[in-house]
């Protein structure tokens, strides 16, 4: 990607983060974004069809980094290291993730839960782990509670400013869900 294009995307990302501090995504206009970014609307439309196209691009860009963690063979069998690496990626992108997490319409919680499910699938005995934690209820309900527990911990961490390190948050998650 050329430097000018990268700069434009960075300006728009930073403008979005700043605007989300004061407004819900649904109320932000392309004019708001371009004014805050110091760009003209034509430049915006060279890159994106509309603000939804832009937010999807940025979400994909950030969440792709999370999914790349799952592809690292050296941590695939180490649950703690997998969680630490995942949370480190989130911490590195904290401003963006925290900004978009405030807007219900951007479905960050659902995306996190989907990701957590994919992490869980990498564990050899994930069904056994879930059943041990929530035995006595049907598996699909147990799985939902299990995933929601982890998602809630991460969402709370984001909401409260990410004060714990990825290692500390990993320990909290592991103690909570019994891995």
Protein backbone atom coordinates (compact mmCIF):
# COMPACT_ATOMS: atom_id res chain seq x y z
CA UNK A 1 0.00 0.00 0.00
CA UNK A 2 1.33 3.43 -0.89
CA UNK A 3 2.27 5.87 1.87
CA UNK A 4 -0.37 8.41 0.83
CA UNK A 5 -3.09 5.77 0.91
CA UNK A 6 -1.86 4.50 4.27
CA UNK A 7 -1.85 8.05 5.65
CA UNK A 8 -5.43 8.61 4.44
CA UNK A 9 -6.61 5.40 6.11
CA UNK A 10 -4.81 6.32 9.33
CA UNK A 11 -6.39 9.80 9.34
CA UNK A 12 -9.83 8.26 8.86
CA UNK A 13 -9.24 5.64 11.57
CA UNK A 14 -8.09 8.30 14.04
CA UNK A 15 -11.03 10.54 13.12
CA UNK A 16 -13.41 7.63 13.70
CA UNK A 17 -11.88 6.87 17.11
CA UNK A 18 -12.17 10.52 18.13
CA UNK A 19 -15.77 10.83 16.92
CA UNK A 20 -16.85 7.61 18.63
CA UNK A 21 -15.79 9.14 21.95
CA UNK A 22 -18.70 11.59 21.60
CA UNK A 23 -21.20 10.01 19.22
CA UNK A 24 -22.70 6.66 18.31
CA UNK A 25 -21.55 5.31 14.96
CA UNK A 26 -25.04 5.63 13.51
CA UNK A 27 -25.01 9.40 14.03
CA UNK A 28 -21.57 9.96 12.50
CA UNK A 29 -21.66 11.17 8.91
CA UNK A 30 -19.06 10.99 6.15
CA UNK A 31 -18.85 14.78 6.44
CA UNK A 32 -18.02 14.42 10.16
CA UNK A 33 -15.31 11.88 9.37
CA UNK A 34 -13.69 13.84 6.56
CA UNK A 35 -13.79 17.12 8.48
CA UNK A 36 -12.19 15.51 11.54
CA UNK A 37 -9.59 13.75 9.34
CA UNK A 38 -8.80 16.91 7.37
CA UNK A 39 -9.71 15.24 4.08
CA UNK A 40 -12.24 16.04 1.41
CA UNK A 41 -15.22 13.80 0.76
CA UNK A 42 -13.87 12.85 -2.66
CA UNK A 43 -10.82 11.30 -1.01
CA UNK A 44 -13.09 9.31 1.29
CA UNK A 45 -15.09 7.98 -1.65
CA UNK A 46 -11.91 6.91 -3.46
CA UNK A 47 -11.47 4.38 -0.67
CA UNK A 48 -14.97 3.53 0.55
CA UNK A 49 -18.57 3.42 -0.67
CA UNK A 50 -19.93 4.72 2.63
CA UNK A 51 -19.18 4.77 6.35
CA UNK A 52 -20.32 1.14 6.71
CA UNK A 53 -17.82 0.03 4.08
CA UNK A 54 -15.14 1.94 5.98
CA UNK A 55 -15.97 0.48 9.41
CA UNK A 56 -16.13 -3.03 7.95
CA UNK A 57 -12.70 -2.51 6.38
CA UNK A 58 -11.21 -1.34 9.70
CA UNK A 59 -12.92 -4.09 11.71
CA UNK A 60 -11.68 -6.73 9.28
CA UNK A 61 -8.19 -5.29 9.37
CA UNK A 62 -8.08 -5.41 13.16
CA UNK A 63 -9.84 -8.73 13.67
CA UNK A 64 -7.73 -10.39 10.95
CA UNK A 65 -4.75 -9.78 13.24
CA UNK A 66 -6.56 -11.74 15.94
CA UNK A 67 -7.31 -14.64 13.65
CA UNK A 68 -3.66 -14.77 12.56
CA UNK A 69 -2.81 -15.71 16.15
CA UNK A 70 -4.79 -18.93 15.67
CA UNK A 71 -2.62 -19.83 12.69
CA UNK A 72 0.62 -19.78 14.68
CA UNK A 73 1.51 -23.48 15.10
CA UNK A 74 3.89 -22.83 18.00
CA UNK A 75 1.06 -21.72 20.29
CA UNK A 76 -1.76 -23.92 19.03
CA UNK A 77 -1.31 -26.41 21.87
CA UNK A 78 -0.58 -23.87 24.61
CA UNK A 79 -3.89 -22.37 25.77
CA UNK A 80 -2.29 -19.81 28.07
CA UNK A 81 0.09 -18.55 25.39
CA UNK A 82 -2.73 -18.45 22.84
CA UNK A 83 -4.80 -16.25 25.18
CA UNK A 84 -1.84 -14.01 26.02
CA UNK A 85 -1.07 -13.50 22.32
CA UNK A 86 -4.73 -12.82 21.53
CA UNK A 87 -5.08 -10.30 24.33
CA UNK A 88 -1.78 -8.68 23.34
CA UNK A 89 -3.17 -8.09 19.85
CA UNK A 90 -6.29 -6.54 21.43
CA UNK A 91 -4.14 -4.41 23.75
CA UNK A 92 -2.03 -3.21 20.81
CA UNK A 93 -5.21 -2.05 19.07
CA UNK A 94 -6.94 -0.93 22.24
CA UNK A 95 -7.96 2.59 21.18
CA UNK A 96 -9.76 1.32 18.10
CA UNK A 97 -11.35 -1.70 19.79
CA UNK A 98 -12.51 0.36 22.78
CA UNK A 99 -13.98 3.02 20.48
CA UNK A 100 -15.97 0.61 18.32
CA UNK A 101 -17.04 -1.52 21.30
CA UNK A 102 -19.10 1.42 22.57
CA UNK A 103 -21.43 1.22 19.58
CA UNK A 104 -23.96 -1.63 19.76
CA UNK A 105 -24.55 -1.49 16.01
CA UNK A 106 -20.96 -2.54 15.27
CA UNK A 107 -21.44 -5.98 16.89
CA UNK A 108 -18.03 -6.13 18.55
CA UNK A 109 -19.28 -8.45 21.32
CA UNK A 110 -20.60 -10.92 18.75
CA UNK A 111 -17.32 -10.80 16.82
CA UNK A 112 -15.37 -11.42 20.03
CA UNK A 113 -17.62 -14.34 20.93
CA UNK A 114 -17.16 -15.86 17.47
CA UNK A 115 -13.42 -15.50 17.86
CA UNK A 116 -13.48 -17.07 21.33
CA UNK A 117 -15.41 -20.01 19.88
CA UNK A 118 -12.70 -20.46 17.23
CA UNK A 119 -10.07 -20.37 19.98
CA UNK A 120 -12.04 -22.97 21.92
CA UNK A 121 -12.15 -25.22 18.86
CA UNK A 122 -8.35 -25.30 18.85
CA UNK A 123 -8.41 -27.03 22.24
CA UNK A 124 -8.30 -30.79 21.94
CA UNK A 125 -10.83 -31.58 24.68
CA UNK A 126 -13.00 -28.46 24.46
CA UNK A 127 -16.28 -30.39 24.79
CA UNK A 128 -15.01 -32.15 27.89
CA UNK A 129 -13.82 -28.82 29.36
CA UNK A 130 -17.22 -27.18 28.79
CA UNK A 131 -19.13 -30.17 30.16
CA UNK A 132 -16.96 -30.29 33.30
CA UNK A 133 -17.53 -26.60 33.91
CA UNK A 134 -21.29 -26.66 33.29
CA UNK A 135 -22.34 -30.28 33.67
CA UNK A 136 -25.99 -31.07 33.99
CA UNK A 137 -27.26 -28.71 31.31
CA UNK A 138 -27.48 -29.41 27.57
CA UNK A 139 -24.15 -28.88 25.81
CA UNK A 140 -25.33 -26.03 23.56
CA UNK A 141 -26.43 -24.04 26.63
CA UNK A 142 -23.23 -24.87 28.49
CA UNK A 143 -21.21 -23.72 25.49
CA UNK A 144 -23.16 -20.45 25.31
CA UNK A 145 -22.56 -19.73 29.01
CA UNK A 146 -18.88 -20.63 28.65
CA UNK A 147 -18.37 -18.34 25.64
CA UNK A 148 -20.40 -15.53 27.22
CA UNK A 149 -18.26 -15.72 30.37
CA UNK A 150 -15.04 -15.17 28.45
CA UNK A 151 -16.59 -12.50 26.21
CA UNK A 152 -17.92 -10.67 29.28
CA UNK A 153 -14.50 -10.63 30.93
CA UNK A 154 -12.86 -9.24 27.79
CA UNK A 155 -15.67 -6.71 27.25
CA UNK A 156 -15.39 -5.55 30.86
CA UNK A 157 -11.61 -5.20 30.43
CA UNK A 158 -12.20 -3.04 27.35
CA UNK A 159 -14.94 -1.00 29.06
CA UNK A 160 -12.75 -0.27 32.09
CA UNK A 161 -9.77 0.88 30.07
CA UNK A 162 -7.73 -2.30 29.74
CA UNK A 163 -5.94 -1.82 33.04
CA UNK A 164 -4.72 -5.40 33.40
CA UNK A 165 -1.91 -6.73 31.26
CA UNK A 166 -2.68 -9.50 28.76
CA UNK A 167 -1.00 -11.93 31.15
CA UNK A 168 -3.13 -10.82 34.12
CA UNK A 169 -6.32 -10.99 32.09
CA UNK A 170 -5.36 -14.43 30.82
CA UNK A 171 -5.02 -15.63 34.42
CA UNK A 172 -8.47 -14.21 35.25
CA UNK A 173 -10.02 -15.98 32.25
CA UNK A 174 -8.30 -19.29 32.95
CA UNK A 175 -9.42 -19.25 36.60
CA UNK A 176 -12.98 -18.34 35.61
CA UNK A 177 -13.53 -20.99 32.94
CA UNK A 178 -11.46 -23.80 34.39
CA UNK A 179 -9.01 -24.43 31.59
